[in-house]
C-alpha atoms as a PDB file:
ATOM      1  CA  MET A   1       1.716   9.132   1.662  1.00  0.00           C
ATOM      2  CA  SER A   2      -0.386  10.082  -0.886  1.00  0.00           C
ATOM      3  CA  ASP A   3      -2.734  13.127  -0.360  1.00  0.00           C
ATOM      4  CA  LYS A   4      -5.349  11.295  -2.528  1.00  0.00           C
ATOM      5  CA  PRO A   5      -6.131   8.016  -0.521  1.00  0.00           C
ATOM      6  CA  PRO A   6      -6.930   5.025  -2.539  1.00  0.00           C
ATOM      7  CA  PRO A   7     -10.691   4.343  -2.875  1.00  0.00           C
ATOM      8  CA  ALA A   8     -12.291   1.265  -0.967  1.00  0.00           C
ATOM      9  CA  SER A   9     -12.024  -1.668  -3.551  1.00  0.00           C
ATOM     10  CA  THR A  10     -14.626  -4.100  -4.527  1.00  0.00           C
ATOM     11  CA  GLY A  11     -13.948  -7.764  -3.853  1.00  0.00           C
ATOM     12  CA  SER A  12     -12.524  -6.610  -0.224  1.00  0.00           C
ATOM     13  CA  PHE A  13     -13.056  -9.072   2.775  1.00  0.00           C
ATOM     14  CA  ALA A  14     -12.211  -8.828   6.396  1.00  0.00           C
ATOM     15  CA  LEU A  15      -9.464 -10.052   8.104  1.00  0.00           C
ATOM     16  CA  PRO A  16     -10.734 -10.431  11.661  1.00  0.00           C
ATOM     17  CA  ASP A  17      -7.838 -12.196  12.932  1.00  0.00           C
ATOM     18  CA  HIS A  18      -5.426  -9.221  12.227  1.00  0.00           C
ATOM     19  CA  GLY A  19      -5.523  -5.993  14.688  1.00  0.00           C
ATOM     20  CA  VAL A  20      -4.072  -3.078  15.175  1.00  0.00           C
ATOM     21  CA  ILE A  21      -1.799  -1.109  17.859  1.00  0.00           C
ATOM     22  CA  SER A  22      -0.719   2.549  17.464  1.00  0.00           C
ATOM     23  CA  LEU A  23       2.101   3.712  18.907  1.00  0.00           C
ATOM     24  CA  THR A  24       2.230   7.732  18.884  1.00  0.00           C
ATOM     25  CA  GLY A  25       4.170  10.326  20.565  1.00  0.00           C
ATOM     26  CA  ARG A  26       7.588  11.994  20.547  1.00  0.00           C
ATOM     27  CA  ASP A  27       9.425   8.544  21.415  1.00  0.00           C
ATOM     28  CA  ALA A  28       7.036   6.524  19.383  1.00  0.00           C
ATOM     29  CA  VAL A  29       9.894   5.190  16.790  1.00  0.00           C
ATOM     30  CA  GLY A  30      12.742   5.026  19.378  1.00  0.00           C
ATOM     31  CA  PHE A  31      10.606   2.929  21.529  1.00  0.00           C
ATOM     32  CA  ALA A  32       9.882   0.617  18.740  1.00  0.00           C
ATOM     33  CA  GLN A  33      13.819   0.592  17.713  1.00  0.00           C
ATOM     34  CA  ALA A  34      14.463  -0.431  21.033  1.00  0.00           C
ATOM     35  CA  GLN A  35      12.099  -2.944  21.820  1.00  0.00           C
ATOM     36  CA  THR A  36      11.382  -4.662  18.450  1.00  0.00           C
ATOM     37  CA  MET A  37      13.509  -6.905  16.544  1.00  0.00           C
ATOM     38  CA  ASN A  38      13.817  -4.876  13.057  1.00  0.00           C
ATOM     39  CA  ASP A  39      15.178  -1.532  12.476  1.00  0.00           C
ATOM     40  CA  VAL A  40      12.270   0.843  12.669  1.00  0.00           C
ATOM     41  CA  ALA A  41      14.692   3.677  12.684  1.00  0.00           C
ATOM     42  CA  GLY A  42      15.502   3.061   9.330  1.00  0.00           C
ATOM     43  CA  LEU A  43      11.857   3.649   7.775  1.00  0.00           C
ATOM     44  CA  THR A  44      10.713   6.805   6.293  1.00  0.00           C
ATOM     45  CA  ASP A  45       7.651   7.859   6.487  1.00  0.00           C
ATOM     46  CA  GLY A  46       4.834   5.870   4.647  1.00  0.00           C
ATOM     47  CA  GLN A  47       6.900   2.837   4.679  1.00  0.00           C
ATOM     48  CA  TRP A  48       6.486  -0.481   6.251  1.00  0.00           C
ATOM     49  CA  GLN A  49       8.227  -3.496   7.131  1.00  0.00           C
ATOM     50  CA  TRP A  50       7.760  -7.102   8.701  1.00  0.00           C
ATOM     51  CA  ASN A  51       8.952  -7.138  12.212  1.00  0.00           C
ATOM     52  CA  GLY A  52       8.266  -8.667  15.714  1.00  0.00           C
ATOM     53  CA  TRP A  53       8.851  -8.767  19.418  1.00  0.00           C
ATOM     54  CA  LEU A  54      10.879 -11.305  21.212  1.00  0.00           C
ATOM     55  CA  THR A  55      11.658 -12.719  24.593  1.00  0.00           C
ATOM     56  CA  PRO A  56      14.611 -12.200  26.384  1.00  0.00           C
ATOM     57  CA  LYS A  57      15.666 -15.463  25.217  1.00  0.00           C
ATOM     58  CA  GLY A  58      15.099 -14.517  21.464  1.00  0.00           C
ATOM     59  CA  ARG A  59      11.780 -16.442  21.050  1.00  0.00           C
ATOM     60  CA  VAL A  60       9.093 -14.721  18.984  1.00  0.00           C
ATOM     61  CA  ILE A  61       6.343 -13.236  21.067  1.00  0.00           C
ATOM     62  CA  ALA A  62       4.510 -12.053  18.131  1.00  0.00           C
ATOM     63  CA  LEU A  63       5.051 -11.327  14.326  1.00  0.00           C
ATOM     64  CA  PHE A  64       3.476  -8.085  12.807  1.00  0.00           C
ATOM     65  CA  ALA A  65       3.860  -5.261  10.111  1.00  0.00           C
ATOM     66  CA  VAL A  66       5.185  -1.967  11.557  1.00  0.00           C
ATOM     67  CA  LEU A  67       3.825   0.975   9.348  1.00  0.00           C
ATOM     68  CA  ARG A  68       5.502   4.372   9.814  1.00  0.00           C
ATOM     69  CA  LEU A  69       2.910   7.079   9.254  1.00  0.00           C
ATOM     70  CA  ASP A  70       5.075   9.930  10.429  1.00  0.00           C
ATOM     71  CA  ALA A  71       7.759  10.759  12.934  1.00  0.00           C
ATOM     72  CA  GLN A  72       5.576  10.190  15.693  1.00  0.00           C
ATOM     73  CA  SER A  73       2.999   7.644  14.518  1.00  0.00           C
ATOM     74  CA  LEU A  74       3.250   4.140  13.993  1.00  0.00           C
ATOM     75  CA  TRP A  75       0.495   1.199  13.640  1.00  0.00           C
ATOM     76  CA  LEU A  76       1.418  -2.384  14.133  1.00  0.00           C
ATOM     77  CA  ILE A  77      -0.380  -4.614  12.099  1.00  0.00           C
ATOM     78  CA  VAL A  78      -0.971  -7.668  14.053  1.00  0.00           C
ATOM     79  CA  PRO A  79      -2.076 -11.468  12.754  1.00  0.00           C
ATOM     80  CA  ASP A  80      -3.356 -13.882  15.057  1.00  0.00           C
ATOM     81  CA  ALA A  81      -2.212 -12.688  18.586  1.00  0.00           C
ATOM     82  CA  ASP A  82      -4.314 -10.868  21.072  1.00  0.00           C
ATOM     83  CA  VAL A  83      -3.857  -6.861  20.376  1.00  0.00           C
ATOM     84  CA  ARG A  84      -4.905  -6.109  23.872  1.00  0.00           C
ATOM     85  CA  ALA A  85      -2.476  -8.460  25.679  1.00  0.00           C
ATOM     86  CA  LEU A  86       0.236  -7.655  23.169  1.00  0.00           C
ATOM     87  CA  ALA A  87      -0.388  -3.745  23.957  1.00  0.00           C
ATOM     88  CA  ALA A  88      -0.193  -4.253  27.493  1.00  0.00           C
ATOM     89  CA  GLY A  89       3.017  -5.986  27.679  1.00  0.00           C
ATOM     90  CA  LEU A  90       4.582  -3.341  25.613  1.00  0.00           C
ATOM     91  CA  GLN A  91       3.135  -0.698  27.731  1.00  0.00           C
ATOM     92  CA  ARG A  92       5.331  -2.366  30.739  1.00  0.00           C
ATOM     93  CA  PHE A  93       8.233  -0.907  29.067  1.00  0.00           C
ATOM     94  CA  VAL A  94       7.215   2.726  28.337  1.00  0.00           C
ATOM     95  CA  PHE A  95       8.850   3.899  31.711  1.00  0.00           C
ATOM     96  CA  ARG A  96       9.864   7.515  30.839  1.00  0.00           C
ATOM     97  CA  SER A  97       9.211   7.389  27.048  1.00  0.00           C
ATOM     98  CA  LYS A  98       6.885   9.834  25.578  1.00  0.00           C
ATOM     99  CA  VAL A  99       4.888   7.180  23.901  1.00  0.00           C
ATOM    100  CA  VAL A 100       0.966   5.888  23.885  1.00  0.00           C
ATOM    101  CA  ILE A 101       0.302   2.457  23.462  1.00  0.00           C
ATOM    102  CA  ALA A 102      -3.305   1.332  22.364  1.00  0.00           C
ATOM    103  CA  ALA A 103      -4.991  -1.217  20.901  1.00  0.00           C
ATOM    104  CA  ARG A 104      -7.208   0.039  18.053  1.00  0.00           C
ATOM    105  CA  ASP A 105     -10.761  -1.115  18.295  1.00  0.00           C
ATOM    106  CA  ASP A 106     -11.790   1.417  15.968  1.00  0.00           C
ATOM    107  CA  LEU A 107      -9.534   0.148  13.039  1.00  0.00           C
ATOM    108  CA  TYR A 108     -10.302  -3.011  10.816  1.00  0.00           C
ATOM    109  CA  VAL A 109      -7.675  -4.660   8.594  1.00  0.00           C
ATOM    110  CA  SER A 110      -9.379  -6.150   5.059  1.00  0.00           C
ATOM    111  CA  GLY A 111      -7.650  -8.092   2.195  1.00  0.00           C
ATOM    112  CA  ARG A 112      -8.242  -8.117  -1.477  1.00  0.00           C
ATOM    113  CA  PHE A 113      -6.667 -10.686  -4.071  1.00  0.00           C
ATOM    114  CA  GLY A 114      -5.728  -7.824  -6.531  1.00  0.00           C
ATOM    115  CA  ALA A 115      -2.874  -5.036  -7.084  1.00  0.00           C
ATOM    116  CA  PRO A 116      -2.836  -1.935  -4.949  1.00  0.00           C
ATOM    117  CA  VAL A 117      -4.351   0.990  -6.240  1.00  0.00           C
ATOM    118  CA  ALA A 118      -1.413   3.341  -5.210  1.00  0.00           C
ATOM    119  CA  ALA A 119       0.936   1.214  -2.670  1.00  0.00           C
ATOM    120  CA  SER A 120       3.720  -0.680  -3.868  1.00  0.00           C
ATOM    121  CA  GLY A 121       6.264  -2.873  -1.981  1.00  0.00           C
ATOM    122  CA  ALA A 122       7.021  -1.308   1.286  1.00  0.00           C
ATOM    123  CA  ARG A 123       5.459   2.028   0.237  1.00  0.00           C
ATOM    124  CA  LEU A 124       2.124   2.934   1.638  1.00  0.00           C
ATOM    125  CA  ALA A 125      -0.745   5.127   0.195  1.00  0.00           C
ATOM    126  CA  GLY A 126      -3.559   7.006   1.726  1.00  0.00           C
ATOM    127  CA  ASP A 127      -4.098   8.465   4.915  1.00  0.00           C
ATOM    128  CA  VAL A 128      -5.344   7.870   8.474  1.00  0.00           C
ATOM    129  CA  GLU A 129      -8.460   9.484   8.103  1.00  0.00           C
ATOM    130  CA  HIS A 130      -9.894   7.823   4.668  1.00  0.00           C
ATOM    131  CA  GLY A 131      -7.621   4.291   5.018  1.00  0.00           C
ATOM    132  CA  VAL A 132      -4.478   3.304   4.377  1.00  0.00           C
ATOM    133  CA  GLU A 133      -3.530   0.797   1.588  1.00  0.00           C
ATOM    134  CA  MET A 134      -0.254  -1.622   2.017  1.00  0.00           C
ATOM    135  CA  ASP A 135       0.801  -4.159  -1.021  1.00  0.00           C
ATOM    136  CA  PHE A 136       0.955  -7.628   0.611  1.00  0.00           C
ATOM    137  CA  GLY A 137       1.623  -9.053  -2.952  1.00  0.00           C
ATOM    138  CA  GLY A 138       4.249 -12.019  -3.563  1.00  0.00           C
ATOM    139  CA  ALA A 139       5.250 -14.722  -6.304  1.00  0.00           C
ATOM    140  CA  SER A 140       1.899 -16.264  -6.424  1.00  0.00           C
ATOM    141  CA  GLY A 141       0.280 -12.943  -7.481  1.00  0.00           C
ATOM    142  CA  PRO A 142      -0.734  -9.747  -6.245  1.00  0.00           C
ATOM    143  CA  ARG A 143      -2.690  -8.712  -2.935  1.00  0.00           C
ATOM    144  CA  SER A 144      -3.386  -5.826  -1.054  1.00  0.00           C
ATOM    145  CA  VAL A 145      -4.344  -4.593   2.413  1.00  0.00           C
ATOM    146  CA  ARG A 146      -6.396  -2.115   3.853  1.00  0.00           C
ATOM    147  CA  ILE A 147      -6.708  -0.386   7.049  1.00  0.00           C
ATOM    148  CA  GLU A 148      -9.638   2.063   7.707  1.00  0.00           C
ATOM    149  CA  GLY A 149     -12.450   2.692   9.978  1.00  0.00           C
ATOM    150  CA  ALA A 150     -15.434   0.511   8.924  1.00  0.00           C
ATOM    151  CA  PRO A 151     -15.425  -3.398   8.767  1.00  0.00           C
ATOM    152  CA  ALA A 152     -15.369  -5.078   5.212  1.00  0.00           C
ATOM    153  CA  PRO A 153     -17.815  -8.412   4.376  1.00  0.00           C
ATOM    154  CA  THR A 154     -16.620 -11.719   5.744  1.00  0.00           C
ATOM    155  CA  ASP A 155     -15.816 -14.233   3.276  1.00  0.00           C
ATOM    156  CA  ALA A 156     -14.360 -17.601   4.869  1.00  0.00           C
ATOM    157  CA  GLU A 157     -13.266 -18.997   1.675  1.00  0.00           C
ATOM    158  CA  SER A 158     -11.171 -15.879   0.819  1.00  0.00           C
ATOM    159  CA  LEU A 159      -9.796 -15.845   4.208  1.00  0.00           C
ATOM    160  CA  ALA A 160      -8.735 -19.343   4.279  1.00  0.00           C
ATOM    161  CA  ARG A 161      -7.056 -18.745   0.800  1.00  0.00           C
ATOM    162  CA  TRP A 162      -5.250 -15.879   2.392  1.00  0.00           C
ATOM    163  CA  ARG A 163      -4.041 -17.745   5.000  1.00  0.00           C
ATOM    164  CA  ALA A 164      -2.654 -20.566   2.717  1.00  0.00           C
ATOM    165  CA  PHE A 165      -1.043 -17.654   0.446  1.00  0.00           C
ATOM    166  CA  ASP A 166       0.814 -16.521   3.729  1.00  0.00           C
ATOM    167  CA  LEU A 167       2.316 -19.946   4.742  1.00  0.00           C
ATOM    168  CA  GLN A 168       3.317 -20.696   0.942  1.00  0.00           C
ATOM    169  CA  HIS A 169       5.413 -17.239   1.225  1.00  0.00           C
ATOM    170  CA  GLY A 170       6.987 -18.375   4.369  1.00  0.00           C
ATOM    171  CA  LEU A 171       4.869 -16.023   6.617  1.00  0.00           C
ATOM    172  CA  PRO A 172       4.538 -17.998   9.804  1.00  0.00           C
ATOM    173  CA  ARG A 173       0.908 -17.749  11.656  1.00  0.00           C
ATOM    174  CA  LEU A 174       1.201 -18.140  14.997  1.00  0.00           C
ATOM    175  CA  GLU A 175      -1.327 -18.970  17.140  1.00  0.00           C
ATOM    176  CA  ALA A 176      -0.966 -18.820  21.074  1.00  0.00           C
ATOM    177  CA  SER A 177       0.604 -22.574  21.145  1.00  0.00           C
ATOM    178  CA  GLN A 178       3.548 -21.311  19.195  1.00  0.00           C
ATOM    179  CA  SER A 179       4.102 -18.042  20.943  1.00  0.00           C
ATOM    180  CA  GLU A 180       7.522 -17.900  22.386  1.00  0.00           C
ATOM    181  CA  ARG A 181       8.828 -21.076  21.204  1.00  0.00           C
ATOM    182  CA  TRP A 182      10.753 -20.018  18.205  1.00  0.00           C
ATOM    183  CA  THR A 183      13.792 -17.751  17.373  1.00  0.00           C
ATOM    184  CA  PRO A 184      13.527 -15.695  13.959  1.00  0.00           C
ATOM    185  CA  GLN A 185      16.134 -18.150  12.469  1.00  0.00           C
ATOM    186  CA  GLN A 186      14.079 -21.156  12.992  1.00  0.00           C
ATOM    187  CA  LEU A 187      11.111 -19.529  11.374  1.00  0.00           C
ATOM    188  CA  SER A 188      13.291 -18.384   8.748  1.00  0.00           C
ATOM    189  CA  LEU A 189      12.435 -14.749   9.014  1.00  0.00           C
ATOM    190  CA  GLU A 190      15.569 -13.609   7.363  1.00  0.00           C
ATOM    191  CA  ARG A 191      13.457 -14.583   4.065  1.00  0.00           C
ATOM    192  CA  LEU A 192      11.342 -11.743   5.099  1.00  0.00           C
ATOM    193  CA  ARG A 193      13.940  -9.437   6.238  1.00  0.00           C
ATOM    194  CA  ALA A 194      12.037  -9.095   9.429  1.00  0.00           C
ATOM    195  CA  PHE A 195      15.007  -8.670  11.920  1.00  0.00           C
ATOM    196  CA  SER A 196      18.306  -6.783  11.998  1.00  0.00           C
ATOM    197  CA  VAL A 197      21.333  -8.058  13.507  1.00  0.00           C
ATOM    198  CA  LYS A 198      23.140  -4.550  12.952  1.00  0.00           C
ATOM    199  CA  LYS A 199      21.056  -2.066  14.736  1.00  0.00           C
ATOM    200  CA  GLY A 200      21.293  -1.457  18.815  1.00  0.00           C
ATOM    201  CA  CYS A 201      20.242  -3.846  21.676  1.00  0.00           C
ATOM    202  CA  TYR A 202      16.631  -5.056  21.594  1.00  0.00           C
ATOM    203  CA  PRO A 203      15.152  -7.622  23.790  1.00  0.00           C
ATOM    204  CA  GLY A 204      16.683 -11.047  22.596  1.00  0.00           C
ATOM    205  CA  GLN A 205      19.140  -9.326  20.152  1.00  0.00           C
ATOM    206  CA  GLU A 206      22.324 -11.168  21.750  1.00  0.00           C
ATOM    207  CA  ILE A 207      20.709 -14.559  20.780  1.00  0.00           C
ATOM    208  CA  VAL A 208      19.776 -13.534  17.461  1.00  0.00           C
ATOM    209  CA  ALA A 209      23.148 -11.867  16.693  1.00  0.00           C
ATOM    210  CA  ARG A 210      24.948 -14.893  18.021  1.00  0.00           C
ATOM    211  CA  THR A 211      23.295 -17.702  16.100  1.00  0.00           C
ATOM    212  CA  HIS A 212      23.922 -15.207  13.123  1.00  0.00           C
ATOM    213  CA  PHE A 213      27.404 -14.790  13.130  1.00  0.00           C
ATOM    214  CA  LEU A 214      28.565 -18.225  14.661  1.00  0.00           C
ATOM    215  CA  GLY A 215      26.152 -19.475  11.977  1.00  0.00           C
ATOM    216  CA  GLN A 216      24.596 -21.786  14.214  1.00  0.00           C
ATOM    217  CA  ALA A 217      20.744 -21.707  12.930  1.00  0.00           C
ATOM    218  CA  LYS A 218      20.355 -25.310  12.354  1.00  0.00           C
ATOM    219  CA  ARG A 219      16.804 -25.479  12.183  1.00  0.00           C
ATOM    220  CA  GLY A 220      14.218 -23.669   9.507  1.00  0.00           C
ATOM    221  CA  LEU A 221      11.050 -23.649   8.029  1.00  0.00           C
ATOM    222  CA  ALA A 222       9.403 -26.342   5.619  1.00  0.00           C
ATOM    223  CA  LEU A 223       6.298 -26.024   3.465  1.00  0.00           C
ATOM    224  CA  LEU A 224       4.724 -29.371   3.950  1.00  0.00           C
ATOM    225  CA  ARG A 225       1.340 -30.526   2.209  1.00  0.00           C
ATOM    226  CA  ALA A 226      -0.818 -33.520   3.188  1.00  0.00           C
ATOM    227  CA  GLU A 227      -3.694 -35.498   2.076  1.00  0.00           C
ATOM    228  CA  GLN A 228      -5.786 -34.437   5.329  1.00  0.00           C
ATOM    229  CA  PRO A 229      -6.028 -31.115   7.439  1.00  0.00           C
ATOM    230  CA  LEU A 230      -2.747 -30.473   9.455  1.00  0.00           C
ATOM    231  CA  ALA A 231      -2.524 -28.905  12.780  1.00  0.00           C
ATOM    232  CA  PRO A 232      -0.237 -26.667  14.870  1.00  0.00           C
ATOM    233  CA  GLY A 233       1.803 -29.179  17.064  1.00  0.00           C
ATOM    234  CA  ASP A 234       1.787 -31.983  14.767  1.00  0.00           C
ATOM    235  CA  ALA A 235       5.024 -34.171  14.961  1.00  0.00           C
ATOM    236  CA  VAL A 236       6.546 -34.759  11.606  1.00  0.00           C
ATOM    237  CA  ALA A 237       8.625 -37.749  11.571  1.00  0.00           C
ATOM    238  CA  HIS A 238      10.717 -39.745   9.120  1.00  0.00           C
ATOM    239  CA  GLU A 239      10.465 -43.287   9.290  1.00  0.00           C
ATOM    240  CA  GLY A 240       9.247 -43.438  13.061  1.00  0.00           C
ATOM    241  CA  VAL A 241      11.863 -40.739  14.267  1.00  0.00           C
ATOM    242  CA  GLU A 242      10.350 -37.241  15.057  1.00  0.00           C
ATOM    243  CA  LEU A 243      12.357 -34.470  13.429  1.00  0.00           C
ATOM    244  CA  GLY A 244      10.062 -31.180  13.997  1.00  0.00           C
ATOM    245  CA  ASN A 245       6.622 -29.782  14.702  1.00  0.00           C
ATOM    246  CA  VAL A 246       4.064 -28.088  12.438  1.00  0.00           C
ATOM    247  CA  ILE A 247       3.663 -24.715  13.711  1.00  0.00           C
ATOM    248  CA  SER A 248       1.386 -23.120  11.037  1.00  0.00           C
ATOM    249  CA  ALA A 249      -1.718 -24.866   9.106  1.00  0.00           C
ATOM    250  CA  ALA A 250      -4.164 -23.886   6.651  1.00  0.00           C
ATOM    251  CA  ASP A 251      -6.177 -27.197   5.896  1.00  0.00           C
ATOM    252  CA  ALA A 252      -3.948 -29.312   4.551  1.00  0.00           C
ATOM    253  CA  ILE A 253      -0.821 -26.805   3.750  1.00  0.00           C
ATOM    254  CA  ALA A 254       1.809 -26.417   6.833  1.00  0.00           C
ATOM    255  CA  LEU A 255       4.594 -24.817   7.885  1.00  0.00           C
ATOM    256  CA  ALA A 256       6.850 -26.808  10.270  1.00  0.00           C
ATOM    257  CA  VAL A 257      10.061 -26.013  12.003  1.00  0.00           C
ATOM    258  CA  LEU A 258      12.790 -29.036  11.007  1.00  0.00           C
ATOM    259  CA  PRO A 259      16.194 -29.646  10.895  1.00  0.00           C
ATOM    260  CA  LEU A 260      17.718 -27.480   7.782  1.00  0.00           C
ATOM    261  CA  GLU A 261      19.195 -31.045   6.199  1.00  0.00           C
ATOM    262  CA  HIS A 262      16.478 -33.698   6.928  1.00  0.00           C
ATOM    263  CA  PRO A 263      15.787 -36.951   5.287  1.00  0.00           C
ATOM    264  CA  GLN A 264      13.037 -37.914   3.106  1.00  0.00           C
ATOM    265  CA  PRO A 265       9.928 -39.147   2.987  1.00  0.00           C
ATOM    266  CA  LEU A 266       8.507 -36.868   6.020  1.00  0.00           C
ATOM    267  CA  GLN A 267       4.982 -38.366   7.592  1.00  0.00           C
ATOM    268  CA  VAL A 268       2.478 -36.889  10.165  1.00  0.00           C
ATOM    269  CA  HIS A 269       0.444 -39.286  11.939  1.00  0.00           C
ATOM    270  CA  GLY A 270       2.008 -42.061   9.572  1.00  0.00           C
ATOM    271  CA  LEU A 271       0.654 -40.255   6.596  1.00  0.00           C
ATOM    272  CA  SER A 272       2.976 -39.231   4.083  1.00  0.00           C
ATOM    273  CA  LEU A 273       3.930 -35.575   3.124  1.00  0.00           C
ATOM    274  CA  GLN A 274       4.819 -33.402   0.193  1.00  0.00           C
ATOM    275  CA  HIS A 275       7.663 -31.155   0.309  1.00  0.00           C
ATOM    276  CA  GLU A 276       7.190 -28.002  -1.294  1.00  0.00           C
ATOM    277  CA  ALA A 277       9.419 -25.029  -1.852  1.00  0.00           C
ATOM    278  CA  LEU A 278       8.800 -21.477  -0.326  1.00  0.00           C
ATOM    279  CA  GLN A 279       7.939 -18.973  -2.757  1.00  0.00           C
ATOM    280  CA  GLU A 280       9.685 -15.559  -2.871  1.00  0.00           C
ATOM    281  CA  GLY A 281       8.171 -12.133  -3.108  1.00  0.00           C
ATOM    282  CA  LEU A 282       6.755 -11.191   0.169  1.00  0.00           C
ATOM    283  CA  ALA A 283       9.850  -9.587   1.759  1.00  0.00           C
ATOM    284  CA  ARG A 284       9.758  -6.001   2.341  1.00  0.00           C
END
């Protein structure tokens, strides 16, 4: 990463629904490689990727970004999930690995609707002492993230806009009720390049690889818009027949898991839904 960390930017606001877990030690990369669904070993120092942790049955427990700071230091930037519970869950699999896993209450995540100062794509900028910057932009425009030791101001309007941007670009925001329910393919996570079918074993890998190589994925994400707020768990139907469920919502915008081939029109609670195309550009 850059020797000159980017300065704190005006217009930044707190992302209080994002937390940080650190993995440090000689086996940090190897441990993450064995436990998570993407190819952590393929990262170089100063790079990041989308990733996640699965149940043995291939269901997504949590989605997160993995940042490789150096050969012995990783950060997980985790939206929505309880980072203490997630860190404790990972800790159960450490065994003899030389890795320390910690939920980092001393680190804060903030966002900004603007181009990063120095980060670009999967390349980080800054350093642990002065703050780390990430490029979170997509087709709708630029965004940047900072992880540092001081919180940014709160801004409810910007926070809601940030969540809607995530959903419009196909990044599911999984609250507790949606954890351990969906496979990576059902969440269309290939769009984000968030999982690997080529690396070695990890929890759920057999299910993920079988679905991929046998072409058995029959459901995926759909971006929907309604005239009223939607909520995770809402049933999506066609002519009274339930087809799937909303899994993430931002007011009247939602992601639902539906059959890849589904009829139109769609309804929630009898009210019509507008189907929109997922936007590109958030893959790393």
